[in-house]
Amino acid sequence: MVGTFGGALEARGVDASGGKLTAEVTGEVETEEGVLVIRRINVAMRLVAREGSRETVERTHSIYEMHCPLYRTLHKAIQLTSSVELRPLAGAL
């Protein structure tokens, strides 16, 4: 999901390379008949970018999932969520 989001940002002129886009992924597991089953996965992304790119980042985040092979494969079986936090690029507006 991070790769698809990063590629979508790059296609829209937002630099997500060189460690500017990172993510923390957490999963929630439940027991079903004695077997551990992954029920939910959340991808919390952080992007270091100019504040002026916020609208593009938020718009891209709102549409990228259905273009992501991983999301399209798993979203009916596991609850997948993502978020993005924009962090300011040092010295940029």
PDB file of N, CA and C in Angstrom:
ATOM      1  N   MET A   1       0.819  -1.183   0.000  1.00  0.00           N
ATOM      2  CA  MET A   1       0.000   0.000   0.000  1.00  0.00           C
ATOM      3  C   MET A   1       0.869   1.255   0.000  1.00  0.00           C
ATOM      4  N   VAL A   2       1.969   1.203   0.730  1.00  0.00           N
ATOM      5  CA  VAL A   2       2.859   2.360   0.783  1.00  0.00           C
ATOM      6  C   VAL A   2       3.468   2.620  -0.588  1.00  0.00           C
ATOM      7  N   GLY A   3       3.863   1.563  -1.270  1.00  0.00           N
ATOM      8  CA  GLY A   3       4.448   1.723  -2.593  1.00  0.00           C
ATOM      9  C   GLY A   3       3.471   2.309  -3.596  1.00  0.00           C
ATOM     10  N   THR A   4       2.237   1.850  -3.551  1.00  0.00           N
ATOM     11  CA  THR A   4       1.217   2.383  -4.457  1.00  0.00           C
ATOM     12  C   THR A   4       0.946   3.847  -4.149  1.00  0.00           C
ATOM     13  N   PHE A   5       0.834   4.175  -2.869  1.00  0.00           N
ATOM     14  CA  PHE A   5       0.590   5.560  -2.476  1.00  0.00           C
ATOM     15  C   PHE A   5       1.761   6.445  -2.894  1.00  0.00           C
ATOM     16  N   GLY A   6       2.988   5.981  -2.640  1.00  0.00           N
ATOM     17  CA  GLY A   6       4.169   6.745  -3.029  1.00  0.00           C
ATOM     18  C   GLY A   6       4.229   6.967  -4.528  1.00  0.00           C
ATOM     19  N   GLY A   7       3.922   5.945  -5.298  1.00  0.00           N
ATOM     20  CA  GLY A   7       3.910   6.080  -6.753  1.00  0.00           C
ATOM     21  C   GLY A   7       2.862   7.054  -7.222  1.00  0.00           C
ATOM     22  N   ALA A   8       1.691   7.016  -6.584  1.00  0.00           N
ATOM     23  CA  ALA A   8       0.616   7.946  -6.937  1.00  0.00           C
ATOM     24  C   ALA A   8       1.019   9.386  -6.610  1.00  0.00           C
ATOM     25  N   LEU A   9       1.708   9.576  -5.490  1.00  0.00           N
ATOM     26  CA  LEU A   9       2.190  10.919  -5.142  1.00  0.00           C
ATOM     27  C   LEU A   9       3.211  11.399  -6.165  1.00  0.00           C
ATOM     28  N   GLU A  10       4.165  10.534  -6.496  1.00  0.00           N
ATOM     29  CA  GLU A  10       5.199  10.899  -7.466  1.00  0.00           C
ATOM     30  C   GLU A  10       4.571  11.290  -8.800  1.00  0.00           C
ATOM     31  N   ALA A  11       3.547  10.554  -9.230  1.00  0.00           N
ATOM     32  CA  ALA A  11       2.872  10.854 -10.499  1.00  0.00           C
ATOM     33  C   ALA A  11       2.207  12.231 -10.467  1.00  0.00           C
ATOM     34  N   ARG A  12       1.933  12.725  -9.270  1.00  0.00           N
ATOM     35  CA  ARG A  12       1.295  14.030  -9.108  1.00  0.00           C
ATOM     36  C   ARG A  12       2.294  15.107  -8.709  1.00  0.00           C
ATOM     37  N   GLY A  13       3.583  14.794  -8.825  1.00  0.00           N
ATOM     38  CA  GLY A  13       4.614  15.788  -8.568  1.00  0.00           C
ATOM     39  C   GLY A  13       5.009  15.966  -7.121  1.00  0.00           C
ATOM     40  N   VAL A  14       4.613  15.055  -6.239  1.00  0.00           N
ATOM     41  CA  VAL A  14       4.994  15.132  -4.826  1.00  0.00           C
ATOM     42  C   VAL A  14       6.107  14.110  -4.591  1.00  0.00           C
ATOM     43  N   ASP A  15       7.265  14.579  -4.155  1.00  0.00           N
ATOM     44  CA  ASP A  15       8.426  13.713  -3.947  1.00  0.00           C
ATOM     45  C   ASP A  15       8.218  12.840  -2.710  1.00  0.00           C
ATOM     46  N   ALA A  16       8.151  11.532  -2.931  1.00  0.00           N
ATOM     47  CA  ALA A  16       8.000  10.582  -1.833  1.00  0.00           C
ATOM     48  C   ALA A  16       9.218   9.667  -1.726  1.00  0.00           C
ATOM     49  N   SER A  17      10.305  10.032  -2.389  1.00  0.00           N
ATOM     50  CA  SER A  17      11.500   9.189  -2.438  1.00  0.00           C
ATOM     51  C   SER A  17      12.451   9.494  -1.287  1.00  0.00           C
ATOM     52  N   GLY A  18      13.490   8.691  -1.198  1.00  0.00           N
ATOM     53  CA  GLY A  18      14.578   8.968  -0.260  1.00  0.00           C
ATOM     54  C   GLY A  18      14.177   8.997   1.197  1.00  0.00           C
ATOM     55  N   GLY A  19      13.224   8.180   1.597  1.00  0.00           N
ATOM     56  CA  GLY A  19      12.808   8.129   2.990  1.00  0.00           C
ATOM     57  C   GLY A  19      11.815   9.197   3.400  1.00  0.00           C
ATOM     58  N   LYS A  20      11.308   9.977   2.438  1.00  0.00           N
ATOM     59  CA  LYS A  20      10.315  11.005   2.779  1.00  0.00           C
ATOM     60  C   LYS A  20       8.972  10.396   3.157  1.00  0.00           C
ATOM     61  N   LEU A  21       8.671   9.214   2.604  1.00  0.00           N
ATOM     62  CA  LEU A  21       7.429   8.514   2.926  1.00  0.00           C
ATOM     63  C   LEU A  21       7.789   7.272   3.736  1.00  0.00           C
ATOM     64  N   THR A  22       7.293   7.225   4.969  1.00  0.00           N
ATOM     65  CA  THR A  22       7.516   6.068   5.835  1.00  0.00           C
ATOM     66  C   THR A  22       6.170   5.606   6.371  1.00  0.00           C
ATOM     67  N   ALA A  23       6.171   4.421   6.960  1.00  0.00           N
ATOM     68  CA  ALA A  23       4.910   3.905   7.492  1.00  0.00           C
ATOM     69  C   ALA A  23       5.156   3.005   8.689  1.00  0.00           C
ATOM     70  N   GLU A  24       4.163   2.974   9.547  1.00  0.00           N
ATOM     71  CA  GLU A  24       4.126   2.035  10.658  1.00  0.00           C
ATOM     72  C   GLU A  24       2.867   1.195  10.446  1.00  0.00           C
ATOM     73  N   VAL A  25       3.043  -0.102  10.376  1.00  0.00           N
ATOM     74  CA  VAL A  25       1.930  -1.005  10.110  1.00  0.00           C
ATOM     75  C   VAL A  25       1.626  -1.785  11.375  1.00  0.00           C
ATOM     76  N   THR A  26       0.351  -1.792  11.762  1.00  0.00           N
ATOM     77  CA  THR A  26      -0.076  -2.561  12.921  1.00  0.00           C
ATOM     78  C   THR A  26      -1.215  -3.483  12.514  1.00  0.00           C
ATOM     79  N   GLY A  27      -1.236  -4.623  13.125  1.00  0.00           N
ATOM     80  CA  GLY A  27      -2.291  -5.581  12.854  1.00  0.00           C
ATOM     81  C   GLY A  27      -2.968  -5.993  14.142  1.00  0.00           C
ATOM     82  N   GLU A  28      -4.223  -6.362  14.017  1.00  0.00           N
ATOM     83  CA  GLU A  28      -4.968  -6.861  15.166  1.00  0.00           C
ATOM     84  C   GLU A  28      -5.351  -8.300  14.875  1.00  0.00           C
ATOM     85  N   VAL A  29      -5.033  -9.153  15.836  1.00  0.00           N
ATOM     86  CA  VAL A  29      -5.238 -10.584  15.681  1.00  0.00           C
ATOM     87  C   VAL A  29      -6.275 -11.046  16.693  1.00  0.00           C
ATOM     88  N   GLU A  30      -7.143 -11.940  16.255  1.00  0.00           N
ATOM     89  CA  GLU A  30      -8.137 -12.548  17.137  1.00  0.00           C
ATOM     90  C   GLU A  30      -8.000 -14.059  17.043  1.00  0.00           C
ATOM     91  N   THR A  31      -8.521 -14.746  18.042  1.00  0.00           N
ATOM     92  CA  THR A  31      -8.517 -16.201  18.029  1.00  0.00           C
ATOM     93  C   THR A  31      -9.862 -16.695  17.528  1.00  0.00           C
ATOM     94  N   GLU A  32      -9.797 -17.584  16.557  1.00  0.00           N
ATOM     95  CA  GLU A  32     -11.012 -18.186  16.005  1.00  0.00           C
ATOM     96  C   GLU A  32     -10.830 -19.696  16.051  1.00  0.00           C
ATOM     97  N   GLU A  33     -11.599 -20.341  16.892  1.00  0.00           N
ATOM     98  CA  GLU A  33     -11.512 -21.798  17.060  1.00  0.00           C
ATOM     99  C   GLU A  33     -10.077 -22.240  17.350  1.00  0.00           C
ATOM    100  N   GLY A  34      -9.395 -21.481  18.204  1.00  0.00           N
ATOM    101  CA  GLY A  34      -8.049 -21.811  18.609  1.00  0.00           C
ATOM    102  C   GLY A  34      -6.958 -21.423  17.619  1.00  0.00           C
ATOM    103  N   VAL A  35      -7.331 -20.715  16.549  1.00  0.00           N
ATOM    104  CA  VAL A  35      -6.374 -20.311  15.524  1.00  0.00           C
ATOM    105  C   VAL A  35      -6.279 -18.791  15.501  1.00  0.00           C
ATOM    106  N   LEU A  36      -5.065 -18.268  15.452  1.00  0.00           N
ATOM    107  CA  LEU A  36      -4.887 -16.821  15.350  1.00  0.00           C
ATOM    108  C   LEU A  36      -5.249 -16.373  13.935  1.00  0.00           C
ATOM    109  N   VAL A  37      -6.091 -15.347  13.857  1.00  0.00           N
ATOM    110  CA  VAL A  37      -6.558 -14.834  12.570  1.00  0.00           C
ATOM    111  C   VAL A  37      -6.359 -13.323  12.541  1.00  0.00           C
ATOM    112  N   ILE A  38      -5.732 -12.816  11.488  1.00  0.00           N
ATOM    113  CA  ILE A  38      -5.559 -11.375  11.336  1.00  0.00           C
ATOM    114  C   ILE A  38      -6.899 -10.787  10.917  1.00  0.00           C
ATOM    115  N   ARG A  39      -7.406  -9.834  11.677  1.00  0.00           N
ATOM    116  CA  ARG A  39      -8.704  -9.215  11.389  1.00  0.00           C
ATOM    117  C   ARG A  39      -8.584  -7.801  10.826  1.00  0.00           C
ATOM    118  N   ARG A  40      -7.600  -7.043  11.320  1.00  0.00           N
ATOM    119  CA  ARG A  40      -7.466  -5.643  10.919  1.00  0.00           C
ATOM    120  C   ARG A  40      -5.996  -5.299  10.743  1.00  0.00           C
ATOM    121  N   ILE A  41      -5.741  -4.483   9.728  1.00  0.00           N
ATOM    122  CA  ILE A  41      -4.385  -3.958   9.491  1.00  0.00           C
ATOM    123  C   ILE A  41      -4.525  -2.465   9.240  1.00  0.00           C
ATOM    124  N   ASN A  42      -3.697  -1.685   9.927  1.00  0.00           N
ATOM    125  CA  ASN A  42      -3.678  -0.239   9.711  1.00  0.00           C
ATOM    126  C   ASN A  42      -2.279   0.186   9.277  1.00  0.00           C
ATOM    127  N   VAL A  43      -2.243   1.006   8.251  1.00  0.00           N
ATOM    128  CA  VAL A  43      -0.989   1.543   7.733  1.00  0.00           C
ATOM    129  C   VAL A  43      -0.998   3.049   8.027  1.00  0.00           C
ATOM    130  N   ALA A  44      -0.171   3.476   8.974  1.00  0.00           N
ATOM    131  CA  ALA A  44      -0.066   4.889   9.339  1.00  0.00           C
ATOM    132  C   ALA A  44       1.173   5.455   8.645  1.00  0.00           C
ATOM    133  N   MET A  45       0.937   6.245   7.605  1.00  0.00           N
ATOM    134  CA  MET A  45       2.047   6.779   6.804  1.00  0.00           C
ATOM    135  C   MET A  45       2.384   8.199   7.235  1.00  0.00           C
ATOM    136  N   ARG A  46       3.652   8.539   7.072  1.00  0.00           N
ATOM    137  CA  ARG A  46       4.128   9.887   7.335  1.00  0.00           C
ATOM    138  C   ARG A  46       4.895  10.342   6.106  1.00  0.00           C
ATOM    139  N   LEU A  47       4.608  11.553   5.679  1.00  0.00           N
ATOM    140  CA  LEU A  47       5.262  12.109   4.501  1.00  0.00           C
ATOM    141  C   LEU A  47       5.877  13.446   4.850  1.00  0.00           C
ATOM    142  N   VAL A  48       7.168  13.589   4.593  1.00  0.00           N
ATOM    143  CA  VAL A  48       7.847  14.868   4.753  1.00  0.00           C
ATOM    144  C   VAL A  48       7.731  15.583   3.410  1.00  0.00           C
ATOM    145  N   ALA A  49       6.995  16.704   3.413  1.00  0.00           N
ATOM    146  CA  ALA A  49       6.740  17.423   2.158  1.00  0.00           C
ATOM    147  C   ALA A  49       6.372  18.868   2.464  1.00  0.00           C
ATOM    148  N   ARG A  50       6.344  19.666   1.398  1.00  0.00           N
ATOM    149  CA  ARG A  50       5.934  21.068   1.534  1.00  0.00           C
ATOM    150  C   ARG A  50       4.472  21.146   1.974  1.00  0.00           C
ATOM    151  N   GLU A  51       4.164  22.082   2.829  1.00  0.00           N
ATOM    152  CA  GLU A  51       2.786  22.286   3.282  1.00  0.00           C
ATOM    153  C   GLU A  51       1.873  22.555   2.092  1.00  0.00           C
ATOM    154  N   GLY A  52       2.398  23.182   1.056  1.00  0.00           N
ATOM    155  CA  GLY A  52       1.612  23.496  -0.127  1.00  0.00           C
ATOM    156  C   GLY A  52       1.135  22.264  -0.892  1.00  0.00           C
ATOM    157  N   SER A  53       1.666  21.117  -0.562  1.00  0.00           N
ATOM    158  CA  SER A  53       1.238  19.894  -1.244  1.00  0.00           C
ATOM    159  C   SER A  53       0.134  19.153  -0.489  1.00  0.00           C
ATOM    160  N   ARG A  54      -0.332  19.705   0.613  1.00  0.00           N
ATOM    161  CA  ARG A  54      -1.334  19.032   1.461  1.00  0.00           C
ATOM    162  C   ARG A  54      -2.581  18.616   0.678  1.00  0.00           C
ATOM    163  N   GLU A  55      -3.127  19.492  -0.129  1.00  0.00           N
ATOM    164  CA  GLU A  55      -4.354  19.162  -0.867  1.00  0.00           C
ATOM    165  C   GLU A  55      -4.120  17.970  -1.796  1.00  0.00           C
ATOM    166  N   THR A  56      -3.006  17.963  -2.499  1.00  0.00           N
ATOM    167  CA  THR A  56      -2.679  16.857  -3.404  1.00  0.00           C
ATOM    168  C   THR A  56      -2.489  15.564  -2.623  1.00  0.00           C
ATOM    169  N   VAL A  57      -1.795  15.634  -1.500  1.00  0.00           N
ATOM    170  CA  VAL A  57      -1.557  14.451  -0.673  1.00  0.00           C
ATOM    171  C   VAL A  57      -2.874  13.888  -0.162  1.00  0.00           C
ATOM    172  N   GLU A  58      -3.736  14.733   0.362  1.00  0.00           N
ATOM    173  CA  GLU A  58      -5.008  14.265   0.907  1.00  0.00           C
ATOM    174  C   GLU A  58      -5.921  13.710  -0.188  1.00  0.00           C
ATOM    175  N   ARG A  59      -5.959  14.360  -1.336  1.00  0.00           N
ATOM    176  CA  ARG A  59      -6.787  13.874  -2.447  1.00  0.00           C
ATOM    177  C   ARG A  59      -6.272  12.521  -2.934  1.00  0.00           C
ATOM    178  N   THR A  60      -4.962  12.407  -3.064  1.00  0.00           N
ATOM    179  CA  THR A  60      -4.358  11.152  -3.506  1.00  0.00           C
ATOM    180  C   THR A  60      -4.643  10.040  -2.501  1.00  0.00           C
ATOM    181  N   HIS A  61      -4.531  10.359  -1.219  1.00  0.00           N
ATOM    182  CA  HIS A  61      -4.811   9.359  -0.190  1.00  0.00           C
ATOM    183  C   HIS A  61      -6.260   8.883  -0.253  1.00  0.00           C
ATOM    184  N   SER A  62      -7.158   9.754  -0.638  1.00  0.00           N
ATOM    185  CA  SER A  62      -8.580   9.377  -0.663  1.00  0.00           C
ATOM    186  C   SER A  62      -8.929   8.443  -1.821  1.00  0.00           C
ATOM    187  N   ILE A  63      -8.030   8.314  -2.820  1.00  0.00           N
ATOM    188  CA  ILE A  63      -8.373   7.498  -3.987  1.00  0.00           C
ATOM    189  C   ILE A  63      -7.400   6.362  -4.300  1.00  0.00           C
ATOM    190  N   TYR A  64      -6.254   6.307  -3.677  1.00  0.00           N
ATOM    191  CA  TYR A  64      -5.216   5.365  -4.109  1.00  0.00           C
ATOM    192  C   TYR A  64      -5.537   3.898  -3.832  1.00  0.00           C
ATOM    193  N   GLU A  65      -6.289   3.612  -2.782  1.00  0.00           N
ATOM    194  CA  GLU A  65      -6.460   2.228  -2.339  1.00  0.00           C
ATOM    195  C   GLU A  65      -6.977   1.295  -3.427  1.00  0.00           C
ATOM    196  N   MET A  66      -7.976   1.711  -4.175  1.00  0.00           N
ATOM    197  CA  MET A  66      -8.552   0.818  -5.175  1.00  0.00           C
ATOM    198  C   MET A  66      -7.618   0.605  -6.367  1.00  0.00           C
ATOM    199  N   HIS A  67      -6.496   1.305  -6.389  1.00  0.00           N
ATOM    200  CA  HIS A  67      -5.476   1.103  -7.425  1.00  0.00           C
ATOM    201  C   HIS A  67      -4.310   0.273  -6.894  1.00  0.00           C
ATOM    202  N   CYS A  68      -4.426  -0.172  -5.646  1.00  0.00           N
ATOM    203  CA  CYS A  68      -3.369  -0.930  -4.989  1.00  0.00           C
ATOM    204  C   CYS A  68      -3.664  -2.433  -5.077  1.00  0.00           C
ATOM    205  N   PRO A  69      -2.759  -3.217  -5.671  1.00  0.00           N
ATOM    206  CA  PRO A  69      -2.991  -4.654  -5.775  1.00  0.00           C
ATOM    207  C   PRO A  69      -3.213  -5.340  -4.418  1.00  0.00           C
ATOM    208  N   LEU A  70      -2.442  -4.976  -3.404  1.00  0.00           N
ATOM    209  CA  LEU A  70      -2.598  -5.588  -2.089  1.00  0.00           C
ATOM    210  C   LEU A  70      -3.975  -5.274  -1.501  1.00  0.00           C
ATOM    211  N   TYR A  71      -4.358  -4.010  -1.540  1.00  0.00           N
ATOM    212  CA  TYR A  71      -5.662  -3.620  -1.011  1.00  0.00           C
ATOM    213  C   TYR A  71      -6.778  -4.355  -1.747  1.00  0.00           C
ATOM    214  N   ARG A  72      -6.728  -4.344  -3.079  1.00  0.00           N
ATOM    215  CA  ARG A  72      -7.782  -4.983  -3.877  1.00  0.00           C
ATOM    216  C   ARG A  72      -7.873  -6.484  -3.595  1.00  0.00           C
ATOM    217  N   THR A  73      -6.741  -7.105  -3.297  1.00  0.00           N
ATOM    218  CA  THR A  73      -6.729  -8.530  -3.026  1.00  0.00           C
ATOM    219  C   THR A  73      -7.321  -8.852  -1.661  1.00  0.00           C
ATOM    220  N   LEU A  74      -7.025  -8.041  -0.658  1.00  0.00           N
ATOM    221  CA  LEU A  74      -7.361  -8.389   0.723  1.00  0.00           C
ATOM    222  C   LEU A  74      -8.534  -7.654   1.350  1.00  0.00           C
ATOM    223  N   HIS A  75      -8.988  -6.545   0.788  1.00  0.00           N
ATOM    224  CA  HIS A  75      -9.933  -5.691   1.510  1.00  0.00           C
ATOM    225  C   HIS A  75     -11.272  -6.344   1.845  1.00  0.00           C
ATOM    226  N   LYS A  76     -11.645  -7.382   1.135  1.00  0.00           N
ATOM    227  CA  LYS A  76     -12.907  -8.058   1.462  1.00  0.00           C
ATOM    228  C   LYS A  76     -12.733  -9.081   2.577  1.00  0.00           C
ATOM    229  N   ALA A  77     -11.499  -9.492   2.838  1.00  0.00           N
ATOM    230  CA  ALA A  77     -11.232 -10.499   3.859  1.00  0.00           C
ATOM    231  C   ALA A  77     -10.737  -9.903   5.174  1.00  0.00           C
ATOM    232  N   ILE A  78     -10.029  -8.784   5.093  1.00  0.00           N
ATOM    233  CA  ILE A  78      -9.421  -8.150   6.262  1.00  0.00           C
ATOM    234  C   ILE A  78      -9.740  -6.663   6.206  1.00  0.00           C
ATOM    235  N   GLN A  79     -10.054  -6.078   7.347  1.00  0.00           N
ATOM    236  CA  GLN A  79     -10.281  -4.636   7.381  1.00  0.00           C
ATOM    237  C   GLN A  79      -8.932  -3.936   7.245  1.00  0.00           C
ATOM    238  N   LEU A  80      -8.737  -3.214   6.137  1.00  0.00           N
ATOM    239  CA  LEU A  80      -7.507  -2.483   5.868  1.00  0.00           C
ATOM    240  C   LEU A  80      -7.791  -0.991   5.938  1.00  0.00           C
ATOM    241  N   THR A  81      -7.017  -0.293   6.734  1.00  0.00           N
ATOM    242  CA  THR A  81      -7.169   1.155   6.820  1.00  0.00           C
ATOM    243  C   THR A  81      -5.800   1.801   6.676  1.00  0.00           C
ATOM    244  N   SER A  82      -5.824   3.058   6.261  1.00  0.00           N
ATOM    245  CA  SER A  82      -4.575   3.809   6.187  1.00  0.00           C
ATOM    246  C   SER A  82      -4.839   5.260   6.524  1.00  0.00           C
ATOM    247  N   SER A  83      -3.773   5.904   6.939  1.00  0.00           N
ATOM    248  CA  SER A  83      -3.831   7.330   7.236  1.00  0.00           C
ATOM    249  C   SER A  83      -2.518   7.930   6.766  1.00  0.00           C
ATOM    250  N   VAL A  84      -2.528   9.243   6.586  1.00  0.00           N
ATOM    251  CA  VAL A  84      -1.290   9.922   6.213  1.00  0.00           C
ATOM    252  C   VAL A  84      -1.163  11.196   7.026  1.00  0.00           C
ATOM    253  N   GLU A  85       0.023  11.407   7.556  1.00  0.00           N
ATOM    254  CA  GLU A  85       0.357  12.615   8.309  1.00  0.00           C
ATOM    255  C   GLU A  85       1.419  13.356   7.526  1.00  0.00           C
ATOM    256  N   LEU A  86       1.151  14.610   7.239  1.00  0.00           N
ATOM    257  CA  LEU A  86       2.117  15.435   6.515  1.00  0.00           C
ATOM    258  C   LEU A  86       3.009  16.137   7.523  1.00  0.00           C
ATOM    259  N   ARG A  87       4.304  15.927   7.375  1.00  0.00           N
ATOM    260  CA  ARG A  87       5.282  16.588   8.241  1.00  0.00           C
ATOM    261  C   ARG A  87       6.023  17.616   7.401  1.00  0.00           C
ATOM    262  N   PRO A  88       6.276  18.786   7.960  1.00  0.00           N
ATOM    263  CA  PRO A  88       6.889  19.863   7.163  1.00  0.00           C
ATOM    264  C   PRO A  88       8.294  19.542   6.707  1.00  0.00           C
ATOM    265  N   LEU A  89       8.563  19.921   5.486  1.00  0.00           N
ATOM    266  CA  LEU A  89       9.904  19.829   4.909  1.00  0.00           C
ATOM    267  C   LEU A  89      10.700  21.004   5.438  1.00  0.00           C
ATOM    268  N   ALA A  90      11.841  20.761   6.037  1.00  0.00           N
ATOM    269  CA  ALA A  90      12.657  21.831   6.632  1.00  0.00           C
ATOM    270  C   ALA A  90      12.943  22.924   5.615  1.00  0.00           C
ATOM    271  N   GLY A  91      12.603  24.158   5.972  1.00  0.00           N
ATOM    272  CA  GLY A  91      12.905  25.305   5.123  1.00  0.00           C
ATOM    273  C   GLY A  91      11.985  25.481   3.936  1.00  0.00           C
ATOM    274  N   ALA A  92      10.857  24.771   3.894  1.00  0.00           N
ATOM    275  CA  ALA A  92       9.933  24.888   2.746  1.00  0.00           C
ATOM    276  C   ALA A  92       8.544  25.231   3.236  1.00  0.00           C
ATOM    277  N   LEU A  93       7.813  25.901   2.373  1.00  0.00           N
ATOM    278  CA  LEU A  93       6.416  26.240   2.685  1.00  0.00           C
ATOM    279  C   LEU A  93       5.498  25.543   1.746  1.00  0.00           C
TER     280      LEU A  93
END
